């Protein structure tokens, strides 16, 4: 299934997005990910009825009942990104592939930094997290891989599933706990790592915000050290493609001791479910 939305007019097309797409999918193809799991039956009312009340409302709003479980996603975003609270917003493209068969996330973002092409990669593969940023995809600016990054990448993977592939949560080692009528906590375990988040809903069951303290970032007041901080992804708007709701746009915000820092503003361009890791398929079209 492929969902294509109108590209945001405010985000100009960067050069060579198709080259970026090819690079992402070749990396996915060589990551050693498992393919489609066997016996993916449709989600039933009984599957949802076993959950806490706000989680039931969320899954029903997302329209998962009667549809097969989702086991992978491929998404394309356009938007803006900034590196510091006082820095200019930079137009960017982001492409990613997530798998529930192997619990993996490969994310590429391309932007221009001081007029030079910068490729940012965030990955969660085989229980390990990695974050890198390279000018011309060759000159390292950032290269970090440790348990803090793995924890942050896994909870970002959880965020992706909540917003873009809800039934994927039912394939994973997840648990749900009611906080109140409009909020639930969700946890995800992969190997020795466990992460959690709080999901806030409106009256329909649509997600309004995802909040977690299982991420580590660099507070602008002391940028040399990564610290644990609350991280949220408020959703501004939902759209319907047929009977399927999708978050049309969202932001990402750090809540550091020194103050809040919104650093990403993304709009969804296209979303595909159940894409095999060796499948290149059709590259995203230019708006």
C-alpha atoms as a PDB file:
ATOM      1  CA  UNK A   1       0.000   0.000   0.000  1.00  0.00           C
ATOM      2  CA  UNK A   2       1.338   3.440  -0.952  1.00  0.00           C
ATOM      3  CA  UNK A   3       0.011   6.754   0.355  1.00  0.00           C
ATOM      4  CA  UNK A   4       1.082   9.897  -1.492  1.00  0.00           C
ATOM      5  CA  UNK A   5       0.276  13.387  -0.209  1.00  0.00           C
ATOM      6  CA  UNK A   6       0.790  16.784  -1.789  1.00  0.00           C
ATOM      7  CA  UNK A   7       4.353  17.925  -1.187  1.00  0.00           C
ATOM      8  CA  UNK A   8       4.567  20.945   1.140  1.00  0.00           C
ATOM      9  CA  UNK A   9       5.008  24.131  -0.869  1.00  0.00           C
ATOM     10  CA  UNK A  10       7.203  25.695   1.802  1.00  0.00           C
ATOM     11  CA  UNK A  11      10.003  23.121   1.417  1.00  0.00           C
ATOM     12  CA  UNK A  12      12.008  23.540  -1.793  1.00  0.00           C
ATOM     13  CA  UNK A  13      13.277  20.398  -3.472  1.00  0.00           C
ATOM     14  CA  UNK A  14      16.915  19.669  -2.697  1.00  0.00           C
ATOM     15  CA  UNK A  15      19.266  18.407  -5.372  1.00  0.00           C
ATOM     16  CA  UNK A  16      19.528  14.717  -6.165  1.00  0.00           C
ATOM     17  CA  UNK A  17      16.636  13.339  -3.995  1.00  0.00           C
ATOM     18  CA  UNK A  18      16.535  10.225  -6.199  1.00  0.00           C
ATOM     19  CA  UNK A  19      20.216   9.572  -5.534  1.00  0.00           C
ATOM     20  CA  UNK A  20      19.468   9.866  -1.820  1.00  0.00           C
ATOM     21  CA  UNK A  21      16.594   7.401  -2.174  1.00  0.00           C
ATOM     22  CA  UNK A  22      18.801   4.906  -3.991  1.00  0.00           C
ATOM     23  CA  UNK A  23      21.457   5.220  -1.271  1.00  0.00           C
ATOM     24  CA  UNK A  24      18.924   4.531   1.472  1.00  0.00           C
ATOM     25  CA  UNK A  25      17.425   1.477  -0.199  1.00  0.00           C
ATOM     26  CA  UNK A  26      20.809  -0.026  -1.038  1.00  0.00           C
ATOM     27  CA  UNK A  27      21.765   0.333   2.611  1.00  0.00           C
ATOM     28  CA  UNK A  28      18.499  -1.364   3.600  1.00  0.00           C
ATOM     29  CA  UNK A  29      19.117  -4.167   1.104  1.00  0.00           C
ATOM     30  CA  UNK A  30      22.547  -4.878   2.634  1.00  0.00           C
ATOM     31  CA  UNK A  31      21.503  -4.598   6.294  1.00  0.00           C
ATOM     32  CA  UNK A  32      20.682  -8.289   6.706  1.00  0.00           C
ATOM     33  CA  UNK A  33      17.043  -7.678   7.626  1.00  0.00           C
ATOM     34  CA  UNK A  34      14.462 -10.430   7.639  1.00  0.00           C
ATOM     35  CA  UNK A  35      11.643 -10.346   5.116  1.00  0.00           C
ATOM     36  CA  UNK A  36       7.914 -10.652   5.585  1.00  0.00           C
ATOM     37  CA  UNK A  37       6.971 -12.661   8.700  1.00  0.00           C
ATOM     38  CA  UNK A  38       4.673 -15.661   8.118  1.00  0.00           C
ATOM     39  CA  UNK A  39       1.004 -15.772   9.070  1.00  0.00           C
ATOM     40  CA  UNK A  40       0.129 -12.088   9.283  1.00  0.00           C
ATOM     41  CA  UNK A  41      -3.565 -12.374  10.042  1.00  0.00           C
ATOM     42  CA  UNK A  42      -5.895  -9.366  10.052  1.00  0.00           C
ATOM     43  CA  UNK A  43      -6.309  -7.526  13.349  1.00  0.00           C
ATOM     44  CA  UNK A  44      -9.533  -8.559  15.105  1.00  0.00           C
ATOM     45  CA  UNK A  45     -11.820  -6.813  17.579  1.00  0.00           C
ATOM     46  CA  UNK A  46     -10.667  -9.361  20.162  1.00  0.00           C
ATOM     47  CA  UNK A  47      -7.035  -8.259  19.677  1.00  0.00           C
ATOM     48  CA  UNK A  48      -7.994  -4.667  20.473  1.00  0.00           C
ATOM     49  CA  UNK A  49     -10.480  -5.466  23.254  1.00  0.00           C
ATOM     50  CA  UNK A  50      -7.651  -6.935  25.355  1.00  0.00           C
ATOM     51  CA  UNK A  51      -5.960  -3.511  25.616  1.00  0.00           C
ATOM     52  CA  UNK A  52      -6.582  -0.603  27.986  1.00  0.00           C
ATOM     53  CA  UNK A  53      -9.399   1.810  27.050  1.00  0.00           C
ATOM     54  CA  UNK A  54      -7.333   4.708  25.577  1.00  0.00           C
ATOM     55  CA  UNK A  55      -5.188   2.281  23.563  1.00  0.00           C
ATOM     56  CA  UNK A  56      -8.388   0.706  22.187  1.00  0.00           C
ATOM     57  CA  UNK A  57      -9.640   4.126  21.136  1.00  0.00           C
ATOM     58  CA  UNK A  58      -6.308   4.908  19.471  1.00  0.00           C
ATOM     59  CA  UNK A  59      -6.206   1.652  17.476  1.00  0.00           C
ATOM     60  CA  UNK A  60      -9.806   2.017  16.366  1.00  0.00           C
ATOM     61  CA  UNK A  61      -9.218   5.599  15.219  1.00  0.00           C
ATOM     62  CA  UNK A  62      -6.177   4.394  13.260  1.00  0.00           C
ATOM     63  CA  UNK A  63      -8.387   1.892  11.451  1.00  0.00           C
ATOM     64  CA  UNK A  64      -6.360  -1.265  12.100  1.00  0.00           C
ATOM     65  CA  UNK A  65      -9.250  -3.679  12.697  1.00  0.00           C
ATOM     66  CA  UNK A  66      -9.862  -5.987   9.745  1.00  0.00           C
ATOM     67  CA  UNK A  67      -6.520  -5.168   8.102  1.00  0.00           C
ATOM     68  CA  UNK A  68      -3.385  -7.353   8.136  1.00  0.00           C
ATOM     69  CA  UNK A  69      -0.632  -6.481  10.580  1.00  0.00           C
ATOM     70  CA  UNK A  70       1.920  -4.052   9.154  1.00  0.00           C
ATOM     71  CA  UNK A  71       5.492  -5.341   9.292  1.00  0.00           C
ATOM     72  CA  UNK A  72       7.494  -2.562   7.581  1.00  0.00           C
ATOM     73  CA  UNK A  73       7.212   1.031   6.461  1.00  0.00           C
ATOM     74  CA  UNK A  74       9.004   3.324   4.044  1.00  0.00           C
ATOM     75  CA  UNK A  75       8.388   7.062   4.338  1.00  0.00           C
ATOM     76  CA  UNK A  76       9.425  10.295   2.644  1.00  0.00           C
ATOM     77  CA  UNK A  77       9.295  13.662   4.416  1.00  0.00           C
ATOM     78  CA  UNK A  78      10.060  17.240   3.474  1.00  0.00           C
ATOM     79  CA  UNK A  79      10.481  20.045   5.945  1.00  0.00           C
ATOM     80  CA  UNK A  80      12.941  22.137   7.917  1.00  0.00           C
ATOM     81  CA  UNK A  81      15.665  21.397  10.443  1.00  0.00           C
ATOM     82  CA  UNK A  82      17.954  23.518  12.599  1.00  0.00           C
ATOM     83  CA  UNK A  83      21.055  22.666  14.595  1.00  0.00           C
ATOM     84  CA  UNK A  84      20.732  25.250  17.407  1.00  0.00           C
ATOM     85  CA  UNK A  85      17.941  27.395  18.831  1.00  0.00           C
ATOM     86  CA  UNK A  86      19.525  30.520  17.312  1.00  0.00           C
ATOM     87  CA  UNK A  87      20.312  28.905  13.940  1.00  0.00           C
ATOM     88  CA  UNK A  88      18.415  29.371  10.705  1.00  0.00           C
ATOM     89  CA  UNK A  89      15.896  26.765   9.589  1.00  0.00           C
ATOM     90  CA  UNK A  90      17.319  24.677   6.737  1.00  0.00           C
ATOM     91  CA  UNK A  91      15.127  22.924   4.138  1.00  0.00           C
ATOM     92  CA  UNK A  92      15.586  19.169   4.160  1.00  0.00           C
ATOM     93  CA  UNK A  93      14.465  15.838   2.747  1.00  0.00           C
ATOM     94  CA  UNK A  94      14.183  12.749   4.939  1.00  0.00           C
ATOM     95  CA  UNK A  95      13.696   9.139   3.871  1.00  0.00           C
ATOM     96  CA  UNK A  96      13.449   6.118   6.134  1.00  0.00           C
ATOM     97  CA  UNK A  97      12.763   2.405   6.302  1.00  0.00           C
ATOM     98  CA  UNK A  98      11.523   0.609   9.431  1.00  0.00           C
ATOM     99  CA  UNK A  99      11.057  -3.123   9.937  1.00  0.00           C
ATOM    100  CA  UNK A 100       9.218  -5.031  12.649  1.00  0.00           C
ATOM    101  CA  UNK A 101      10.565  -8.352  11.373  1.00  0.00           C
ATOM    102  CA  UNK A 102      14.049  -7.360  12.553  1.00  0.00           C
ATOM    103  CA  UNK A 103      13.252  -4.281  14.707  1.00  0.00           C
ATOM    104  CA  UNK A 104      15.291  -1.938  12.541  1.00  0.00           C
ATOM    105  CA  UNK A 105      15.215   1.734  11.540  1.00  0.00           C
ATOM    106  CA  UNK A 106      17.360   3.339   8.837  1.00  0.00           C
ATOM    107  CA  UNK A 107      16.832   7.090   8.468  1.00  0.00           C
ATOM    108  CA  UNK A 108      18.586   9.436   6.024  1.00  0.00           C
ATOM    109  CA  UNK A 109      18.189  13.211   6.004  1.00  0.00           C
ATOM    110  CA  UNK A 110      19.782  15.528   3.480  1.00  0.00           C
ATOM    111  CA  UNK A 111      20.197  19.279   3.922  1.00  0.00           C
ATOM    112  CA  UNK A 112      22.623  22.020   2.996  1.00  0.00           C
ATOM    113  CA  UNK A 113      24.965  23.205   5.757  1.00  0.00           C
ATOM    114  CA  UNK A 114      26.860  26.402   4.921  1.00  0.00           C
ATOM    115  CA  UNK A 115      25.829  25.711   1.307  1.00  0.00           C
ATOM    116  CA  UNK A 116      27.430  22.244   1.426  1.00  0.00           C
ATOM    117  CA  UNK A 117      25.486  18.942   1.224  1.00  0.00           C
ATOM    118  CA  UNK A 118      25.173  17.233   4.594  1.00  0.00           C
ATOM    119  CA  UNK A 119      23.796  13.691   4.968  1.00  0.00           C
ATOM    120  CA  UNK A 120      22.558  12.708   8.426  1.00  0.00           C
ATOM    121  CA  UNK A 121      22.004   9.029   9.254  1.00  0.00           C
ATOM    122  CA  UNK A 122      20.200   7.584  12.256  1.00  0.00           C
ATOM    123  CA  UNK A 123      20.101   3.810  12.475  1.00  0.00           C
ATOM    124  CA  UNK A 124      18.930   1.093  14.823  1.00  0.00           C
ATOM    125  CA  UNK A 125      20.182  -2.280  13.579  1.00  0.00           C
ATOM    126  CA  UNK A 126      20.669  -5.581  15.413  1.00  0.00           C
ATOM    127  CA  UNK A 127      20.210  -3.906  18.794  1.00  0.00           C
ATOM    128  CA  UNK A 128      22.730  -1.139  18.163  1.00  0.00           C
ATOM    129  CA  UNK A 129      22.196   2.560  17.512  1.00  0.00           C
ATOM    130  CA  UNK A 130      24.310   4.901  15.420  1.00  0.00           C
ATOM    131  CA  UNK A 131      24.098   8.575  14.566  1.00  0.00           C
ATOM    132  CA  UNK A 132      26.314  10.230  11.968  1.00  0.00           C
ATOM    133  CA  UNK A 133      26.517  13.417   9.922  1.00  0.00           C
ATOM    134  CA  UNK A 134      28.888  13.751   6.969  1.00  0.00           C
ATOM    135  CA  UNK A 135      29.558  16.567   4.543  1.00  0.00           C
ATOM    136  CA  UNK A 136      29.359  15.227   0.988  1.00  0.00           C
ATOM    137  CA  UNK A 137      28.583  11.913   2.750  1.00  0.00           C
ATOM    138  CA  UNK A 138      32.354  11.617   3.182  1.00  0.00           C
ATOM    139  CA  UNK A 139      33.713  14.115   5.750  1.00  0.00           C
ATOM    140  CA  UNK A 140      32.591  13.169   9.299  1.00  0.00           C
ATOM    141  CA  UNK A 141      31.090  15.895  11.474  1.00  0.00           C
ATOM    142  CA  UNK A 142      29.323  13.621  13.976  1.00  0.00           C
ATOM    143  CA  UNK A 143      29.829   9.907  14.614  1.00  0.00           C
ATOM    144  CA  UNK A 144      28.309   8.404  17.772  1.00  0.00           C
ATOM    145  CA  UNK A 145      27.404   4.817  18.586  1.00  0.00           C
ATOM    146  CA  UNK A 146      26.726   3.754  22.174  1.00  0.00           C
ATOM    147  CA  UNK A 147      23.912   2.570  24.435  1.00  0.00           C
ATOM    148  CA  UNK A 148      22.484   6.087  24.771  1.00  0.00           C
ATOM    149  CA  UNK A 149      22.121   6.310  20.997  1.00  0.00           C
ATOM    150  CA  UNK A 150      20.654   2.799  20.833  1.00  0.00           C
ATOM    151  CA  UNK A 151      18.059   3.742  23.469  1.00  0.00           C
ATOM    152  CA  UNK A 152      17.182   6.951  21.639  1.00  0.00           C
ATOM    153  CA  UNK A 153      16.942   5.235  18.266  1.00  0.00           C
ATOM    154  CA  UNK A 154      14.699   2.499  19.654  1.00  0.00           C
ATOM    155  CA  UNK A 155      12.270   4.977  21.205  1.00  0.00           C
ATOM    156  CA  UNK A 156      12.250   6.972  17.944  1.00  0.00           C
ATOM    157  CA  UNK A 157      11.374   3.709  16.191  1.00  0.00           C
ATOM    158  CA  UNK A 158       8.512   3.379  18.682  1.00  0.00           C
ATOM    159  CA  UNK A 159       7.411   6.915  17.819  1.00  0.00           C
ATOM    160  CA  UNK A 160       7.384   6.032  14.104  1.00  0.00           C
ATOM    161  CA  UNK A 161       5.201   2.987  14.743  1.00  0.00           C
ATOM    162  CA  UNK A 162       2.716   4.936  16.866  1.00  0.00           C
ATOM    163  CA  UNK A 163       2.295   7.606  14.185  1.00  0.00           C
ATOM    164  CA  UNK A 164       2.730   5.760  10.887  1.00  0.00           C
ATOM    165  CA  UNK A 165       2.252   1.998  11.371  1.00  0.00           C
ATOM    166  CA  UNK A 166       0.049   1.367  14.405  1.00  0.00           C
ATOM    167  CA  UNK A 167      -0.571  -2.342  13.878  1.00  0.00           C
ATOM    168  CA  UNK A 168       3.206  -2.837  13.853  1.00  0.00           C
ATOM    169  CA  UNK A 169       2.952  -2.322  17.623  1.00  0.00           C
ATOM    170  CA  UNK A 170       0.910  -5.539  17.852  1.00  0.00           C
ATOM    171  CA  UNK A 171       3.777  -7.496  16.251  1.00  0.00           C
ATOM    172  CA  UNK A 172       6.360  -6.160  18.681  1.00  0.00           C
ATOM    173  CA  UNK A 173       7.119  -6.851  22.350  1.00  0.00           C
ATOM    174  CA  UNK A 174       4.943  -3.970  23.539  1.00  0.00           C
ATOM    175  CA  UNK A 175       2.716  -3.337  26.540  1.00  0.00           C
ATOM    176  CA  UNK A 176       0.082  -0.663  27.167  1.00  0.00           C
ATOM    177  CA  UNK A 177      -1.040   0.956  30.426  1.00  0.00           C
ATOM    178  CA  UNK A 178      -3.834   3.468  30.908  1.00  0.00           C
ATOM    179  CA  UNK A 179      -2.862   6.798  32.451  1.00  0.00           C
ATOM    180  CA  UNK A 180      -6.256   8.438  32.061  1.00  0.00           C
ATOM    181  CA  UNK A 181      -9.046   8.508  29.507  1.00  0.00           C
ATOM    182  CA  UNK A 182      -6.976  10.485  26.996  1.00  0.00           C
ATOM    183  CA  UNK A 183      -3.516   9.063  27.595  1.00  0.00           C
ATOM    184  CA  UNK A 184      -1.663   5.754  27.736  1.00  0.00           C
ATOM    185  CA  UNK A 185       1.888   4.592  28.328  1.00  0.00           C
ATOM    186  CA  UNK A 186       3.487   2.207  25.861  1.00  0.00           C
ATOM    187  CA  UNK A 187       6.706   0.241  26.366  1.00  0.00           C
ATOM    188  CA  UNK A 188       8.786  -1.633  23.819  1.00  0.00           C
ATOM    189  CA  UNK A 189      11.438  -4.233  24.506  1.00  0.00           C
ATOM    190  CA  UNK A 190      14.072  -5.412  22.033  1.00  0.00           C
ATOM    191  CA  UNK A 191      16.748  -7.702  23.401  1.00  0.00           C
ATOM    192  CA  UNK A 192      18.185  -6.094  26.537  1.00  0.00           C
ATOM    193  CA  UNK A 193      16.759  -2.659  25.775  1.00  0.00           C
ATOM    194  CA  UNK A 194      13.400  -1.375  26.966  1.00  0.00           C
ATOM    195  CA  UNK A 195      11.994   2.065  26.177  1.00  0.00           C
ATOM    196  CA  UNK A 196       8.745   3.789  26.940  1.00  0.00           C
ATOM    197  CA  UNK A 197       6.622   6.778  26.038  1.00  0.00           C
ATOM    198  CA  UNK A 198       3.389   8.516  26.934  1.00  0.00           C
ATOM    199  CA  UNK A 199       0.867   8.959  24.120  1.00  0.00           C
ATOM    200  CA  UNK A 200      -1.739  11.737  24.349  1.00  0.00           C
ATOM    201  CA  UNK A 201      -5.025  11.526  22.419  1.00  0.00           C
ATOM    202  CA  UNK A 202      -7.861  13.811  21.413  1.00  0.00           C
ATOM    203  CA  UNK A 203     -11.521  12.864  21.748  1.00  0.00           C
ATOM    204  CA  UNK A 204     -11.392  10.838  18.511  1.00  0.00           C
ATOM    205  CA  UNK A 205      -8.373   8.771  19.554  1.00  0.00           C
ATOM    206  CA  UNK A 206      -5.945  10.667  17.308  1.00  0.00           C
ATOM    207  CA  UNK A 207      -2.449  11.186  18.708  1.00  0.00           C
ATOM    208  CA  UNK A 208      -1.773  14.795  19.679  1.00  0.00           C
ATOM    209  CA  UNK A 209       1.628  14.211  21.263  1.00  0.00           C
ATOM    210  CA  UNK A 210       4.219  11.481  21.890  1.00  0.00           C
ATOM    211  CA  UNK A 211       6.440  12.134  24.914  1.00  0.00           C
ATOM    212  CA  UNK A 212       9.455  10.190  26.205  1.00  0.00           C
ATOM    213  CA  UNK A 213      12.479  10.620  28.459  1.00  0.00           C
ATOM    214  CA  UNK A 214      14.359   7.763  26.790  1.00  0.00           C
ATOM    215  CA  UNK A 215      16.387  10.026  24.496  1.00  0.00           C
ATOM    216  CA  UNK A 216      19.710  11.794  24.978  1.00  0.00           C
ATOM    217  CA  UNK A 217      20.624  15.087  23.359  1.00  0.00           C
ATOM    218  CA  UNK A 218      23.014  18.010  23.590  1.00  0.00           C
ATOM    219  CA  UNK A 219      21.598  20.864  25.671  1.00  0.00           C
ATOM    220  CA  UNK A 220      22.660  24.119  23.922  1.00  0.00           C
ATOM    221  CA  UNK A 221      23.717  25.448  27.334  1.00  0.00           C
ATOM    222  CA  UNK A 222      26.311  22.631  27.646  1.00  0.00           C
ATOM    223  CA  UNK A 223      26.649  21.117  24.143  1.00  0.00           C
ATOM    224  CA  UNK A 224      29.735  19.011  24.877  1.00  0.00           C
ATOM    225  CA  UNK A 225      27.767  16.389  26.824  1.00  0.00           C
ATOM    226  CA  UNK A 226      24.721  14.328  25.906  1.00  0.00           C
ATOM    227  CA  UNK A 227      22.048  14.370  28.599  1.00  0.00           C
ATOM    228  CA  UNK A 228      18.783  12.518  29.103  1.00  0.00           C
ATOM    229  CA  UNK A 229      15.895  14.866  28.383  1.00  0.00           C
ATOM    230  CA  UNK A 230      12.205  14.796  27.556  1.00  0.00           C
ATOM    231  CA  UNK A 231      11.522  14.641  23.821  1.00  0.00           C
ATOM    232  CA  UNK A 232       8.126  15.234  22.237  1.00  0.00           C
ATOM    233  CA  UNK A 233       6.612  15.067  18.768  1.00  0.00           C
ATOM    234  CA  UNK A 234       3.403  17.110  18.735  1.00  0.00           C
ATOM    235  CA  UNK A 235       1.154  16.348  15.754  1.00  0.00           C
ATOM    236  CA  UNK A 236      -0.390  19.460  14.223  1.00  0.00           C
ATOM    237  CA  UNK A 237      -2.838  17.848  11.832  1.00  0.00           C
ATOM    238  CA  UNK A 238      -4.211  14.512  10.622  1.00  0.00           C
ATOM    239  CA  UNK A 239      -5.350  13.760   7.089  1.00  0.00           C
ATOM    240  CA  UNK A 240      -7.350  10.924   5.591  1.00  0.00           C
ATOM    241  CA  UNK A 241      -6.289   9.058   2.485  1.00  0.00           C
ATOM    242  CA  UNK A 242      -9.376   6.966   1.818  1.00  0.00           C
ATOM    243  CA  UNK A 243     -10.223   5.512   5.236  1.00  0.00           C
ATOM    244  CA  UNK A 244      -6.647   5.688   6.535  1.00  0.00           C
ATOM    245  CA  UNK A 245      -5.606   8.538   8.876  1.00  0.00           C
ATOM    246  CA  UNK A 246      -2.020   9.804   8.590  1.00  0.00           C
ATOM    247  CA  UNK A 247      -0.235  12.614  10.455  1.00  0.00           C
ATOM    248  CA  UNK A 248       0.229  15.248   7.765  1.00  0.00           C
ATOM    249  CA  UNK A 249       2.787  17.241   9.759  1.00  0.00           C
ATOM    250  CA  UNK A 250       4.576  17.158  13.101  1.00  0.00           C
ATOM    251  CA  UNK A 251       7.426  18.807  14.960  1.00  0.00           C
ATOM    252  CA  UNK A 252      10.146  17.448  17.248  1.00  0.00           C
ATOM    253  CA  UNK A 253      11.102  19.276  20.448  1.00  0.00           C
ATOM    254  CA  UNK A 254      13.734  18.801  23.126  1.00  0.00           C
ATOM    255  CA  UNK A 255      12.772  19.937  26.632  1.00  0.00           C
ATOM    256  CA  UNK A 256      16.187  20.678  28.122  1.00  0.00           C
ATOM    257  CA  UNK A 257      16.949  22.205  31.523  1.00  0.00           C
ATOM    258  CA  UNK A 258      17.940  25.388  29.695  1.00  0.00           C
ATOM    259  CA  UNK A 259      14.622  25.567  27.802  1.00  0.00           C
ATOM    260  CA  UNK A 260      12.625  24.023  24.986  1.00  0.00           C
ATOM    261  CA  UNK A 261      14.207  23.572  21.568  1.00  0.00           C
ATOM    262  CA  UNK A 262      12.080  22.703  18.536  1.00  0.00           C
ATOM    263  CA  UNK A 263      14.525  21.532  15.905  1.00  0.00           C
ATOM    264  CA  UNK A 264      12.512  19.661  13.239  1.00  0.00           C
ATOM    265  CA  UNK A 265       9.325  20.420  11.340  1.00  0.00           C
ATOM    266  CA  UNK A 266       8.381  17.641   8.914  1.00  0.00           C
ATOM    267  CA  UNK A 267       5.485  17.060   6.530  1.00  0.00           C
ATOM    268  CA  UNK A 268       4.739  13.608   5.179  1.00  0.00           C
ATOM    269  CA  UNK A 269       5.066  13.263   1.395  1.00  0.00           C
ATOM    270  CA  UNK A 270       4.565   9.515   0.954  1.00  0.00           C
ATOM    271  CA  UNK A 271       4.165   6.393   3.074  1.00  0.00           C
ATOM    272  CA  UNK A 272       4.330   2.717   2.095  1.00  0.00           C
ATOM    273  CA  UNK A 273       3.602  -0.329   4.235  1.00  0.00           C
ATOM    274  CA  UNK A 274       4.913  -3.902   3.909  1.00  0.00           C
ATOM    275  CA  UNK A 275       7.895  -3.182   1.660  1.00  0.00           C
ATOM    276  CA  UNK A 276      10.478  -5.980   1.492  1.00  0.00           C
ATOM    277  CA  UNK A 277      13.996  -4.856   2.458  1.00  0.00           C
ATOM    278  CA  UNK A 278      15.423  -5.816  -0.950  1.00  0.00           C
ATOM    279  CA  UNK A 279      12.735  -3.909  -2.865  1.00  0.00           C
ATOM    280  CA  UNK A 280      13.719  -0.659  -4.540  1.00  0.00           C
ATOM    281  CA  UNK A 281      10.293   0.032  -5.972  1.00  0.00           C
ATOM    282  CA  UNK A 282       9.434   3.502  -7.284  1.00  0.00           C
ATOM    283  CA  UNK A 283      11.507   6.419  -6.062  1.00  0.00           C
ATOM    284  CA  UNK A 284       9.708   9.458  -4.609  1.00  0.00           C
ATOM    285  CA  UNK A 285       8.651  11.906  -7.288  1.00  0.00           C
ATOM    286  CA  UNK A 286       9.572  15.558  -7.283  1.00  0.00           C
ATOM    287  CA  UNK A 287       6.749  17.927  -6.357  1.00  0.00           C
END
